[in-house]
Amino acid sequence: MTSVTVTAQTNQQSWGLFNHLDVGVTLGTTGLGVEAAMPINNFLRVRSGLSYMPRVEVPMTFGIQVGDDPAKSQSKFNRMAGVMESFTGSPVSDEVKMTGKATMWNWHLLFDFHPLKKNKHWRLTAGFFLGPSNVAEAFNQTESMASLLAVDIYNNTYDKLHGKTIRELANVKLIDLGPGYEDIYTDLDVLLKMQELFDKAGRMGIHLGDYTHDITDEDGNVIHKKGDPYVMTPDDDHMVKADMKVNAFKPYIGFGYDGRLVKGNDRLHVGFDAGVMLWGGKPSLYTHDGTDLINDVEGITGKVGDYVDTMSKLGVYPVANVRFTYTIF
């Protein structure tokens, strides 16, 4: 993408304290936006404006895994697909389709310094961008809701049956009708057969990768060891989500060039900005359960792995702006 920042320029030989006002629009790596600029003296100008990133959608796909062995997952899923369809009444897919899109917008304050006395076209720029820390998001598509609901129902049943003794199974209620209704207990022989079926298959979820380090709870207890598989399951709304976060305050350094858009017209100008927005280190990509896919998980495959690998290398955000400008006075 390119970025277009419109800042109208005045006769650069007559700059003075706020004696000109330049306005315009922006488009590019910082998004679409508007901007105004005024000179402070013959060598320094201040710019301020807002930019908004269009929400271009990027499709992604996750595979549903059954059990701990990826090599046997597909055959197990095929065997349990009929069971899950009986829960939901809808066919269940072994893939979850997701959509990712940018949510970034920023207010910026920039200072342009023109070091060359006889050439005001070239400049150095420093300042900052300020906006929400959440700059991108991903969530499952509507068509995957039935499959995610089936995963939740399946895991709920698995948890009720897994590891239970015969005595404990006798007290398992697969369906609880609530107060005012007589408790319904499934025949013990049926529960034993169901327990055998679910135990052979294993729990269900989305295996994204493996933990890069030990994961501890609030009390410091290790809940996942380094190398353990990270398996994502739907949230309470039967959805899977992820948010990309960076620092809200992002310093900027760069350089640029400005010139006339039309020969002989001192009101219309075109220029460019090139530089970097400093994010303060690698961004974070948190799933709905709080796992950071960039810093906590490795070995993510497919397109999702490519996206995560690219984002993990973006310690800074590249800014490339084309600028069109108009001078009001």
Protein backbone atom coordinates (compact mmCIF):
# COMPACT_ATOMS: atom_id res chain seq x y z
CA MET A 1 0.00 0.00 0.00
CA THR A 2 1.03 3.60 -0.45
CA SER A 3 0.23 6.46 1.86
CA VAL A 4 -0.96 9.80 0.63
CA THR A 5 -0.69 12.69 3.04
CA VAL A 6 -2.05 15.95 1.77
CA THR A 7 -0.45 19.04 3.19
CA ALA A 8 -0.76 22.24 1.20
CA GLN A 9 2.48 24.14 1.03
CA THR A 10 3.05 27.84 0.73
CA ASN A 11 5.77 29.89 -0.88
CA GLN A 12 8.67 28.35 1.00
CA GLN A 13 10.72 31.56 0.84
CA SER A 14 8.20 33.43 3.02
CA TRP A 15 7.57 31.03 5.87
CA GLY A 16 6.79 32.66 9.21
CA LEU A 17 5.13 31.80 12.51
CA PHE A 18 1.77 30.22 11.55
CA ASN A 19 1.37 32.57 8.57
CA HIS A 20 0.21 29.79 6.23
CA LEU A 21 -2.30 26.94 6.52
CA ASP A 22 -1.99 23.80 4.42
CA VAL A 23 -4.68 21.09 4.38
CA GLY A 24 -5.15 17.72 2.70
CA VAL A 25 -5.95 14.01 2.82
CA THR A 26 -3.99 10.79 3.46
CA LEU A 27 -3.93 7.28 1.99
CA GLY A 28 -1.53 4.37 2.48
CA THR A 29 0.30 2.31 5.06
CA THR A 30 -1.09 4.57 7.77
CA GLY A 31 -4.51 4.46 6.12
CA LEU A 32 -6.87 7.12 4.81
CA GLY A 33 -7.02 10.43 6.59
CA VAL A 34 -6.85 14.21 6.74
CA GLU A 35 -4.07 16.57 7.76
CA ALA A 36 -3.30 20.26 8.38
CA ALA A 37 0.11 21.95 8.52
CA MET A 38 1.53 25.36 9.48
CA PRO A 39 5.11 26.74 9.49
CA ILE A 40 6.80 27.67 12.77
CA ASN A 41 9.77 29.43 11.14
CA ASN A 42 11.74 29.28 7.90
CA PHE A 43 13.06 25.81 8.65
CA LEU A 44 10.40 24.11 10.79
CA ARG A 45 6.80 23.09 10.10
CA VAL A 46 4.23 21.29 12.27
CA ARG A 47 1.66 18.83 10.91
CA SER A 48 -1.30 17.18 12.61
CA GLY A 49 -4.09 14.92 11.43
CA LEU A 50 -6.01 11.66 11.63
CA SER A 51 -5.53 8.47 9.62
CA TYR A 52 -7.74 5.39 9.40
CA MET A 53 -6.85 2.00 7.94
CA PRO A 54 -9.53 0.56 5.59
CA ARG A 55 -10.79 -2.79 6.86
CA VAL A 56 -9.57 -5.03 4.06
CA GLU A 57 -10.53 -8.62 4.91
CA VAL A 58 -7.96 -11.43 4.79
CA PRO A 59 -9.31 -15.04 4.85
CA MET A 60 -7.70 -17.68 7.08
CA THR A 61 -8.46 -21.33 7.80
CA PHE A 62 -7.81 -23.50 10.86
CA GLY A 63 -8.12 -27.26 10.99
CA ILE A 64 -10.00 -29.00 13.84
CA GLN A 65 -7.96 -31.70 15.56
CA VAL A 66 -9.29 -34.68 17.50
CA GLY A 67 -6.96 -36.22 20.08
CA ASP A 68 -3.25 -35.56 20.57
CA ASP A 69 -1.88 -37.14 17.38
CA PRO A 70 -2.28 -34.93 14.28
CA ALA A 71 -1.62 -37.94 12.02
CA LYS A 72 -4.71 -39.74 13.35
CA SER A 73 -6.87 -36.65 13.74
CA GLN A 74 -8.64 -36.83 10.36
CA SER A 75 -9.74 -40.46 10.75
CA LYS A 76 -10.96 -39.76 14.28
CA PHE A 77 -12.85 -36.69 13.11
CA ASN A 78 -14.53 -38.66 10.33
CA ARG A 79 -15.59 -41.26 12.88
CA MET A 80 -16.99 -38.65 15.30
CA ALA A 81 -18.56 -36.35 12.68
CA GLY A 82 -21.84 -38.25 12.83
CA VAL A 83 -21.92 -37.95 16.62
CA MET A 84 -21.40 -34.19 16.43
CA GLU A 85 -24.02 -33.79 13.71
CA SER A 86 -26.53 -35.56 15.96
CA PHE A 87 -25.80 -32.89 18.61
CA THR A 88 -26.32 -29.88 16.35
CA GLY A 89 -28.53 -31.12 13.54
CA SER A 90 -26.10 -29.66 10.99
CA PRO A 91 -23.15 -31.11 9.06
CA VAL A 92 -19.85 -30.39 10.81
CA SER A 93 -16.74 -29.27 8.94
CA ASP A 94 -13.20 -30.17 9.97
CA GLU A 95 -12.11 -26.59 9.18
CA VAL A 96 -12.84 -23.25 10.81
CA LYS A 97 -12.86 -20.27 8.47
CA MET A 98 -11.76 -16.94 9.91
CA THR A 99 -11.50 -13.37 8.68
CA GLY A 100 -8.68 -11.01 9.64
CA LYS A 101 -8.78 -7.25 9.14
CA ALA A 102 -7.00 -4.11 10.27
CA THR A 103 -8.59 -1.88 12.92
CA MET A 104 -5.79 0.71 13.12
CA TRP A 105 -6.39 4.46 13.33
CA ASN A 106 -4.12 7.19 14.68
CA TRP A 107 -3.84 10.86 15.45
CA HIS A 108 -0.39 12.19 14.63
CA LEU A 109 1.76 15.20 15.41
CA LEU A 110 4.82 15.61 13.18
CA PHE A 111 7.58 18.21 12.85
CA ASP A 112 9.28 18.76 9.49
CA PHE A 113 12.82 20.19 9.58
CA HIS A 114 14.28 21.63 6.35
CA PRO A 115 18.09 21.60 6.75
CA LEU A 116 18.94 23.09 3.33
CA LYS A 117 18.63 26.88 3.16
CA LYS A 118 18.28 27.05 -0.62
CA ASN A 119 16.28 23.87 -1.10
CA LYS A 120 13.10 23.52 0.98
CA HIS A 121 11.97 20.43 -0.94
CA TRP A 122 13.85 17.88 1.19
CA ARG A 123 13.08 17.54 4.89
CA LEU A 124 13.58 15.38 7.96
CA THR A 125 10.52 14.46 10.03
CA ALA A 126 10.04 13.40 13.66
CA GLY A 127 6.98 13.12 15.86
CA PHE A 128 4.53 10.49 17.03
CA PHE A 129 1.33 8.61 16.24
CA LEU A 130 -1.24 7.99 18.96
CA GLY A 131 -4.17 5.58 18.75
CA PRO A 132 -5.75 2.40 20.17
CA SER A 133 -3.31 -0.41 20.95
CA ASN A 134 -5.53 -2.90 19.08
CA VAL A 135 -4.49 -2.59 15.41
CA ALA A 136 -5.96 -5.78 13.88
CA GLU A 137 -8.45 -8.52 14.70
CA ALA A 138 -9.53 -11.93 13.48
CA PHE A 139 -12.73 -13.87 14.16
CA ASN A 140 -14.51 -16.92 12.78
CA GLN A 141 -16.93 -16.60 9.89
CA THR A 142 -20.64 -17.23 10.45
CA GLU A 143 -20.61 -20.45 8.44
CA SER A 144 -18.22 -21.98 11.00
CA MET A 145 -20.52 -21.34 13.98
CA ALA A 146 -22.20 -24.78 13.73
CA SER A 147 -18.83 -26.56 13.78
CA LEU A 148 -17.59 -24.52 16.76
CA LEU A 149 -20.82 -25.18 18.66
CA ALA A 150 -20.39 -28.89 17.94
CA VAL A 151 -16.81 -28.73 19.29
CA ASP A 152 -18.06 -27.18 22.55
CA ILE A 153 -20.84 -29.74 22.96
CA TYR A 154 -18.45 -32.57 22.14
CA ASN A 155 -15.85 -31.38 24.68
CA ASN A 156 -18.51 -30.85 27.34
CA THR A 157 -19.62 -34.45 26.90
CA TYR A 158 -16.02 -35.66 26.84
CA ASP A 159 -15.25 -33.85 30.12
CA LYS A 160 -18.31 -35.39 31.80
CA LEU A 161 -17.22 -38.91 30.85
CA HIS A 162 -13.42 -38.86 30.76
CA GLY A 163 -11.64 -40.43 33.74
CA LYS A 164 -14.82 -41.38 35.58
CA THR A 165 -15.09 -44.65 37.49
CA ILE A 166 -18.19 -46.82 37.14
CA ARG A 167 -19.54 -45.41 40.42
CA GLU A 168 -18.93 -41.85 39.24
CA LEU A 169 -20.54 -42.56 35.86
CA ALA A 170 -23.69 -43.69 37.65
CA ASN A 171 -24.15 -40.09 38.85
CA VAL A 172 -23.39 -38.39 35.53
CA LYS A 173 -26.23 -36.32 34.08
CA LEU A 174 -25.72 -35.73 30.37
CA ILE A 175 -28.82 -33.51 30.36
CA ASP A 176 -29.89 -31.37 33.30
CA LEU A 177 -33.43 -30.03 32.96
CA GLY A 178 -33.01 -27.80 36.00
CA PRO A 179 -35.13 -27.21 39.13
CA GLY A 180 -38.64 -28.61 39.11
CA TYR A 181 -37.83 -31.56 36.89
CA GLU A 182 -36.85 -35.05 37.89
CA ASP A 183 -33.18 -35.83 37.29
CA ILE A 184 -32.53 -37.93 34.20
CA TYR A 185 -29.71 -40.45 34.35
CA THR A 186 -28.55 -42.34 31.28
CA ASP A 187 -28.29 -46.12 31.44
CA LEU A 188 -24.86 -47.08 32.83
CA ASP A 189 -24.10 -49.48 29.96
CA VAL A 190 -24.74 -46.65 27.49
CA LEU A 191 -22.45 -44.31 29.44
CA LEU A 192 -19.68 -46.91 29.47
CA LYS A 193 -19.92 -47.32 25.68
CA MET A 194 -19.93 -43.54 25.22
CA GLN A 195 -16.95 -43.19 27.55
CA GLU A 196 -15.01 -45.76 25.52
CA LEU A 197 -15.89 -44.02 22.25
CA PHE A 198 -14.91 -40.54 23.44
CA ASP A 199 -11.73 -41.71 25.19
CA LYS A 200 -10.53 -43.42 22.00
CA ALA A 201 -11.09 -40.24 20.05
CA GLY A 202 -9.79 -37.71 22.57
CA ARG A 203 -10.65 -34.06 23.15
CA MET A 204 -11.33 -31.76 20.22
CA GLY A 205 -9.86 -28.36 19.38
CA ILE A 206 -7.71 -26.32 17.00
CA HIS A 207 -4.04 -27.28 17.29
CA LEU A 208 -2.16 -24.13 16.28
CA GLY A 209 1.37 -24.94 17.45
CA ASP A 210 3.47 -25.72 20.52
CA TYR A 211 4.35 -23.58 23.53
CA THR A 212 7.77 -21.92 23.34
CA HIS A 213 8.14 -21.74 27.13
CA ASP A 214 6.41 -22.81 30.34
CA ILE A 215 3.02 -21.14 30.89
CA THR A 216 2.11 -20.39 34.49
CA ASP A 217 -1.08 -19.29 36.24
CA GLU A 218 -1.46 -16.31 38.58
CA ASP A 219 0.03 -18.31 41.45
CA GLY A 220 3.12 -19.30 39.46
CA ASN A 221 2.05 -22.89 38.89
CA VAL A 222 3.04 -24.38 35.53
CA ILE A 223 -0.14 -25.19 33.57
CA HIS A 224 1.56 -25.85 30.21
CA LYS A 225 5.14 -26.98 29.74
CA LYS A 226 7.48 -25.88 26.97
CA GLY A 227 6.78 -28.07 23.93
CA ASP A 228 3.21 -28.92 24.95
CA PRO A 229 0.68 -28.50 22.12
CA TYR A 230 -1.42 -25.35 22.17
CA VAL A 231 -4.98 -26.37 21.34
CA MET A 232 -7.47 -23.53 21.04
CA THR A 233 -11.12 -24.17 21.88
CA PRO A 234 -14.08 -21.80 21.33
CA ASP A 235 -15.00 -19.17 23.94
CA ASP A 236 -18.29 -18.95 25.83
CA ASP A 237 -19.98 -17.53 22.72
CA HIS A 238 -18.78 -20.50 20.64
CA MET A 239 -16.37 -18.28 18.70
CA VAL A 240 -12.62 -18.08 18.15
CA LYS A 241 -11.00 -14.64 18.05
CA ALA A 242 -7.61 -12.95 18.05
CA ASP A 243 -6.44 -9.35 18.51
CA MET A 244 -3.11 -7.81 17.46
CA LYS A 245 -1.81 -5.23 19.93
CA VAL A 246 1.04 -2.69 19.92
CA ASN A 247 1.90 0.37 22.01
CA ALA A 248 -0.70 3.13 21.83
CA PHE A 249 2.09 5.76 21.63
CA LYS A 250 4.26 5.22 18.56
CA PRO A 251 7.22 7.56 17.86
CA TYR A 252 7.98 8.30 14.21
CA ILE A 253 11.18 9.22 12.34
CA GLY A 254 11.61 9.67 8.62
CA PHE A 255 12.31 11.98 5.72
CA GLY A 256 10.37 13.40 2.78
CA TYR A 257 10.20 15.55 -0.30
CA ASP A 258 7.65 18.17 -1.46
CA GLY A 259 7.21 19.89 -4.83
CA ARG A 260 4.63 21.59 -7.00
CA LEU A 261 1.87 19.43 -8.41
CA VAL A 262 1.28 21.85 -11.28
CA LYS A 263 4.05 24.02 -12.72
CA GLY A 264 3.52 27.68 -11.83
CA ASN A 265 0.90 26.89 -9.15
CA ASP A 266 2.10 27.61 -5.59
CA ARG A 267 -1.05 26.24 -3.94
CA LEU A 268 -1.09 22.65 -5.21
CA HIS A 269 1.81 20.39 -4.21
CA VAL A 270 2.71 16.72 -4.15
CA GLY A 271 5.25 14.96 -1.97
CA PHE A 272 6.10 11.79 -0.12
CA ASP A 273 6.98 10.58 3.36
CA ALA A 274 9.20 7.59 4.13
CA GLY A 275 10.04 6.40 7.61
CA VAL A 276 9.16 4.05 10.43
CA MET A 277 6.60 4.03 13.22
CA LEU A 278 8.23 2.58 16.33
CA TRP A 279 5.99 -0.02 17.96
CA GLY A 280 8.30 -0.60 20.92
CA GLY A 281 9.23 -4.16 20.00
CA LYS A 282 7.37 -7.09 18.50
CA PRO A 283 3.57 -6.83 18.49
CA SER A 284 1.39 -9.30 20.41
CA LEU A 285 -1.34 -11.47 18.88
CA TYR A 286 -3.69 -12.59 21.64
CA THR A 287 -6.35 -15.24 21.14
CA HIS A 288 -9.58 -15.08 23.14
CA ASP A 289 -8.07 -17.33 25.84
CA GLY A 290 -5.13 -14.96 26.41
CA THR A 291 -2.43 -16.89 24.51
CA ASP A 292 0.05 -14.76 22.56
CA LEU A 293 0.61 -16.53 19.23
CA ILE A 294 3.69 -14.43 18.44
CA ASN A 295 5.55 -14.73 21.74
CA ASP A 296 4.14 -17.93 23.33
CA VAL A 297 3.61 -20.34 20.40
CA GLU A 298 5.83 -21.72 17.63
CA GLY A 299 5.41 -24.09 14.71
CA ILE A 300 2.18 -22.59 13.39
CA THR A 301 1.65 -23.94 9.87
CA GLY A 302 -0.18 -22.80 6.75
CA LYS A 303 -1.23 -19.24 5.90
CA VAL A 304 -1.83 -18.46 9.55
CA GLY A 305 1.77 -19.38 10.31
CA ASP A 306 2.96 -17.14 7.48
CA TYR A 307 0.94 -14.20 8.85
CA VAL A 308 2.20 -14.74 12.39
CA ASP A 309 5.81 -15.09 11.19
CA THR A 310 5.54 -11.82 9.23
CA MET A 311 4.01 -9.91 12.13
CA SER A 312 6.63 -11.24 14.55
CA LYS A 313 9.31 -9.46 12.51
CA LEU A 314 7.56 -6.09 12.54
CA GLY A 315 9.34 -4.40 15.42
CA VAL A 316 8.69 -1.19 13.50
CA TYR A 317 5.92 -0.31 11.09
CA PRO A 318 7.02 1.02 7.67
CA VAL A 319 5.44 4.29 6.57
CA ALA A 320 5.44 5.27 2.88
CA ASN A 321 3.28 8.30 2.06
CA VAL A 322 2.49 10.06 -1.19
CA ARG A 323 1.34 13.59 -0.39
CA PHE A 324 -0.99 16.00 -2.21
CA THR A 325 -1.36 19.48 -0.73
CA TYR A 326 -3.36 22.70 -1.01
CA THR A 327 -2.60 26.08 0.58
CA ILE A 328 -5.62 27.88 2.02
CA PHE A 329 -3.69 31.07 2.94
